[in-house]
N, C-alpha and C. Protein backbone atom coordinates (compact mmCIF):
# COMPACT_ATOMS: atom_id res chain seq x y z
N MET A 1 69.77 -35.21 -20.26
CA MET A 1 70.25 -35.12 -18.89
C MET A 1 71.05 -33.85 -18.73
N ALA A 2 71.09 -33.35 -17.49
CA ALA A 2 71.79 -32.09 -17.22
C ALA A 2 73.30 -32.27 -17.38
N ASN A 3 73.89 -31.32 -18.08
CA ASN A 3 75.32 -31.41 -18.37
C ASN A 3 76.17 -30.42 -17.59
N ASN A 4 75.55 -29.55 -16.85
CA ASN A 4 76.35 -28.62 -16.06
C ASN A 4 75.73 -28.43 -14.67
N ALA A 5 76.47 -27.80 -13.80
CA ALA A 5 76.05 -27.69 -12.40
C ALA A 5 74.76 -26.89 -12.25
N SER A 6 74.62 -25.82 -13.00
CA SER A 6 73.42 -24.98 -12.85
C SER A 6 72.17 -25.74 -13.29
N ALA A 7 72.29 -26.56 -14.33
CA ALA A 7 71.14 -27.35 -14.79
C ALA A 7 70.77 -28.41 -13.77
N ARG A 8 71.78 -29.03 -13.15
CA ARG A 8 71.50 -30.03 -12.10
C ARG A 8 70.81 -29.36 -10.91
N LYS A 9 71.26 -28.16 -10.57
CA LYS A 9 70.64 -27.43 -9.46
C LYS A 9 69.19 -27.10 -9.79
N ARG A 10 68.91 -26.67 -11.03
CA ARG A 10 67.55 -26.35 -11.43
C ARG A 10 66.65 -27.58 -11.30
N ILE A 11 67.17 -28.75 -11.65
CA ILE A 11 66.40 -29.98 -11.52
C ILE A 11 66.06 -30.25 -10.06
N ARG A 12 67.04 -30.07 -9.18
CA ARG A 12 66.80 -30.26 -7.74
C ARG A 12 65.76 -29.27 -7.23
N GLN A 13 65.89 -28.02 -7.60
CA GLN A 13 64.96 -26.99 -7.15
C GLN A 13 63.54 -27.25 -7.65
N THR A 14 63.44 -27.66 -8.89
CA THR A 14 62.14 -27.96 -9.47
C THR A 14 61.45 -29.10 -8.73
N ALA A 15 62.23 -30.12 -8.39
CA ALA A 15 61.66 -31.27 -7.67
C ALA A 15 61.13 -30.84 -6.30
N VAL A 16 61.89 -30.02 -5.60
CA VAL A 16 61.47 -29.56 -4.27
C VAL A 16 60.23 -28.69 -4.38
N ARG A 17 60.22 -27.77 -5.34
CA ARG A 17 59.08 -26.87 -5.50
C ARG A 17 57.83 -27.61 -5.93
N THR A 18 57.98 -28.60 -6.80
CA THR A 18 56.83 -29.38 -7.25
C THR A 18 56.18 -30.10 -6.08
N GLU A 19 57.01 -30.69 -5.23
CA GLU A 19 56.50 -31.39 -4.05
C GLU A 19 55.80 -30.42 -3.10
N ARG A 20 56.42 -29.28 -2.89
CA ARG A 20 55.86 -28.27 -1.97
C ARG A 20 54.54 -27.73 -2.51
N ASN A 21 54.48 -27.45 -3.81
CA ASN A 21 53.25 -26.93 -4.42
C ASN A 21 52.14 -27.96 -4.37
N ALA A 22 52.47 -29.22 -4.57
CA ALA A 22 51.45 -30.28 -4.50
C ALA A 22 50.87 -30.37 -3.10
N ALA A 23 51.72 -30.22 -2.09
CA ALA A 23 51.25 -30.26 -0.71
C ALA A 23 50.35 -29.07 -0.42
N ARG A 24 50.72 -27.90 -0.91
CA ARG A 24 49.89 -26.70 -0.69
C ARG A 24 48.53 -26.84 -1.35
N LYS A 25 48.53 -27.35 -2.58
CA LYS A 25 47.28 -27.50 -3.31
C LYS A 25 46.39 -28.54 -2.62
N SER A 26 46.99 -29.62 -2.17
CA SER A 26 46.24 -30.67 -1.48
C SER A 26 45.63 -30.13 -0.18
N ARG A 27 46.41 -29.36 0.56
CA ARG A 27 45.93 -28.77 1.81
C ARG A 27 44.75 -27.84 1.54
N MET A 28 44.86 -27.03 0.50
CA MET A 28 43.78 -26.11 0.15
C MET A 28 42.52 -26.89 -0.22
N ARG A 29 42.67 -27.94 -1.02
CA ARG A 29 41.52 -28.74 -1.43
C ARG A 29 40.85 -29.39 -0.22
N THR A 30 41.64 -29.83 0.75
CA THR A 30 41.09 -30.45 1.95
C THR A 30 40.22 -29.45 2.71
N PHE A 31 40.71 -28.23 2.86
CA PHE A 31 39.94 -27.21 3.57
C PHE A 31 38.65 -26.88 2.81
N LEU A 32 38.74 -26.78 1.49
CA LEU A 32 37.54 -26.48 0.70
C LEU A 32 36.54 -27.62 0.77
N LYS A 33 37.05 -28.86 0.82
CA LYS A 33 36.17 -30.02 0.92
C LYS A 33 35.42 -30.02 2.26
N LYS A 34 36.09 -29.56 3.31
CA LYS A 34 35.43 -29.47 4.62
C LYS A 34 34.25 -28.50 4.57
N VAL A 35 34.41 -27.41 3.82
CA VAL A 35 33.31 -26.46 3.66
C VAL A 35 32.17 -27.12 2.90
N GLU A 36 32.49 -27.86 1.83
CA GLU A 36 31.47 -28.56 1.04
C GLU A 36 30.68 -29.54 1.92
N VAL A 37 31.39 -30.28 2.75
CA VAL A 37 30.73 -31.25 3.63
C VAL A 37 29.82 -30.54 4.62
N ALA A 38 30.29 -29.42 5.18
CA ALA A 38 29.48 -28.67 6.14
C ALA A 38 28.23 -28.10 5.47
N ILE A 39 28.35 -27.64 4.24
CA ILE A 39 27.19 -27.13 3.51
C ILE A 39 26.19 -28.26 3.26
N ALA A 40 26.72 -29.42 2.87
CA ALA A 40 25.85 -30.57 2.60
C ALA A 40 25.12 -31.04 3.85
N SER A 41 25.75 -30.89 5.02
CA SER A 41 25.11 -31.32 6.27
C SER A 41 23.98 -30.38 6.67
N GLY A 42 24.00 -29.15 6.14
CA GLY A 42 22.91 -28.21 6.42
C GLY A 42 23.13 -27.36 7.64
N ASP A 43 24.29 -27.44 8.27
CA ASP A 43 24.58 -26.65 9.47
C ASP A 43 25.30 -25.36 9.06
N LYS A 44 24.58 -24.25 9.10
CA LYS A 44 25.13 -22.98 8.62
C LYS A 44 26.31 -22.50 9.46
N SER A 45 26.20 -22.63 10.79
CA SER A 45 27.29 -22.14 11.65
C SER A 45 28.57 -22.95 11.44
N GLN A 46 28.41 -24.26 11.25
CA GLN A 46 29.57 -25.11 10.97
C GLN A 46 30.17 -24.77 9.60
N ALA A 47 29.32 -24.50 8.63
CA ALA A 47 29.79 -24.13 7.29
C ALA A 47 30.54 -22.82 7.33
N GLN A 48 30.03 -21.86 8.10
CA GLN A 48 30.71 -20.57 8.22
C GLN A 48 32.07 -20.72 8.89
N ALA A 49 32.14 -21.55 9.91
CA ALA A 49 33.42 -21.79 10.60
C ALA A 49 34.43 -22.45 9.66
N ALA A 50 33.96 -23.42 8.89
CA ALA A 50 34.84 -24.10 7.94
C ALA A 50 35.29 -23.13 6.85
N PHE A 51 34.40 -22.25 6.43
CA PHE A 51 34.75 -21.26 5.41
C PHE A 51 35.79 -20.29 5.93
N GLN A 52 35.64 -19.87 7.19
CA GLN A 52 36.61 -18.96 7.80
C GLN A 52 37.99 -19.59 7.87
N ALA A 53 38.05 -20.91 8.07
CA ALA A 53 39.34 -21.61 8.11
C ALA A 53 39.90 -21.83 6.70
N ALA A 54 39.02 -22.03 5.73
CA ALA A 54 39.45 -22.32 4.35
C ALA A 54 39.92 -21.08 3.61
N GLN A 55 39.35 -19.95 3.93
CA GLN A 55 39.66 -18.72 3.20
C GLN A 55 41.15 -18.37 3.22
N PRO A 56 41.81 -18.32 4.38
CA PRO A 56 43.24 -17.99 4.35
C PRO A 56 44.09 -19.04 3.65
N GLU A 57 43.68 -20.30 3.72
CA GLU A 57 44.43 -21.35 3.03
C GLU A 57 44.38 -21.14 1.52
N ALA A 58 43.21 -20.82 1.01
CA ALA A 58 43.07 -20.58 -0.43
C ALA A 58 43.86 -19.34 -0.84
N GLN A 59 43.79 -18.30 -0.04
CA GLN A 59 44.54 -17.07 -0.34
C GLN A 59 46.04 -17.32 -0.31
N ARG A 60 46.48 -18.15 0.62
CA ARG A 60 47.91 -18.46 0.72
C ARG A 60 48.38 -19.23 -0.52
N ALA A 61 47.56 -20.16 -0.98
CA ALA A 61 47.91 -20.92 -2.19
C ALA A 61 48.04 -19.97 -3.38
N GLN A 62 47.15 -18.99 -3.45
CA GLN A 62 47.22 -18.01 -4.54
C GLN A 62 48.47 -17.16 -4.41
N THR A 63 48.79 -16.71 -3.21
CA THR A 63 49.97 -15.87 -2.98
C THR A 63 51.25 -16.60 -3.38
N LYS A 64 51.29 -17.90 -3.11
CA LYS A 64 52.48 -18.70 -3.42
C LYS A 64 52.53 -19.11 -4.89
N GLY A 65 51.51 -18.78 -5.66
CA GLY A 65 51.53 -19.06 -7.08
C GLY A 65 51.08 -20.46 -7.45
N VAL A 66 50.45 -21.16 -6.52
CA VAL A 66 50.00 -22.52 -6.79
C VAL A 66 48.72 -22.51 -7.62
N ILE A 67 47.89 -21.51 -7.40
CA ILE A 67 46.60 -21.42 -8.08
C ILE A 67 46.36 -19.96 -8.44
N HIS A 68 45.64 -19.73 -9.52
CA HIS A 68 45.45 -18.37 -10.03
C HIS A 68 44.52 -17.55 -9.14
N LEU A 69 44.76 -16.26 -9.10
CA LEU A 69 43.98 -15.33 -8.29
C LEU A 69 42.49 -15.43 -8.58
N ASN A 70 42.12 -15.43 -9.85
CA ASN A 70 40.70 -15.46 -10.20
C ASN A 70 40.05 -16.79 -9.84
N THR A 71 40.81 -17.87 -9.87
CA THR A 71 40.28 -19.18 -9.50
C THR A 71 39.91 -19.18 -8.02
N VAL A 72 40.80 -18.64 -7.20
CA VAL A 72 40.53 -18.57 -5.75
C VAL A 72 39.32 -17.68 -5.50
N ALA A 73 39.28 -16.53 -6.15
CA ALA A 73 38.16 -15.60 -5.96
C ALA A 73 36.85 -16.27 -6.35
N ARG A 74 36.84 -16.99 -7.46
CA ARG A 74 35.63 -17.66 -7.92
C ARG A 74 35.17 -18.73 -6.93
N LYS A 75 36.10 -19.56 -6.49
CA LYS A 75 35.74 -20.63 -5.56
C LYS A 75 35.19 -20.07 -4.25
N LEU A 76 35.88 -19.08 -3.69
CA LEU A 76 35.44 -18.50 -2.42
C LEU A 76 34.11 -17.79 -2.58
N SER A 77 33.92 -17.10 -3.69
CA SER A 77 32.67 -16.40 -3.93
C SER A 77 31.50 -17.37 -4.00
N ARG A 78 31.69 -18.46 -4.72
CA ARG A 78 30.61 -19.43 -4.87
C ARG A 78 30.28 -20.12 -3.55
N LEU A 79 31.32 -20.46 -2.77
CA LEU A 79 31.07 -21.08 -1.47
C LEU A 79 30.35 -20.10 -0.54
N SER A 80 30.79 -18.86 -0.56
CA SER A 80 30.17 -17.84 0.29
C SER A 80 28.69 -17.66 -0.06
N ALA A 81 28.39 -17.63 -1.35
CA ALA A 81 27.01 -17.47 -1.80
C ALA A 81 26.16 -18.67 -1.36
N ARG A 82 26.73 -19.87 -1.44
CA ARG A 82 25.99 -21.06 -1.01
C ARG A 82 25.72 -21.04 0.49
N ILE A 83 26.68 -20.55 1.26
CA ILE A 83 26.49 -20.46 2.71
C ILE A 83 25.42 -19.43 3.04
N LYS A 84 25.47 -18.28 2.36
CA LYS A 84 24.47 -17.23 2.60
C LYS A 84 23.06 -17.71 2.24
N ALA A 85 22.97 -18.56 1.24
CA ALA A 85 21.66 -19.04 0.80
C ALA A 85 21.07 -20.09 1.73
N MET A 86 21.89 -20.62 2.62
CA MET A 86 21.40 -21.66 3.54
C MET A 86 20.39 -21.08 4.52
N ALA A 87 19.44 -21.91 4.93
CA ALA A 87 18.49 -21.49 5.95
C ALA A 87 19.21 -21.42 7.28
N THR A 88 18.90 -20.44 8.08
CA THR A 88 19.55 -20.29 9.39
C THR A 88 19.14 -21.45 10.27
N ALA A 89 20.18 -22.15 10.78
CA ALA A 89 19.90 -23.33 11.59
C ALA A 89 20.43 -23.15 12.99
């Protein structure tokens, strides 16, 4: 257990940051899942719109340090390639 004020403060800060990071990661996953659903439905315009909304969310998660830069780049690249490969509907 924390024995001094600075250690107690670090525990409080860690708890707040953990909660905030979990919310950011969850929000990012939700946006990416919407893109997956749109791709599965076969509607290219809807998939592109969902991708446009998901892209800044993923970048924001990376900027805040929730997820690694290369992970975001890989996920967005793969989704983009899948959207481009879709037949125009």
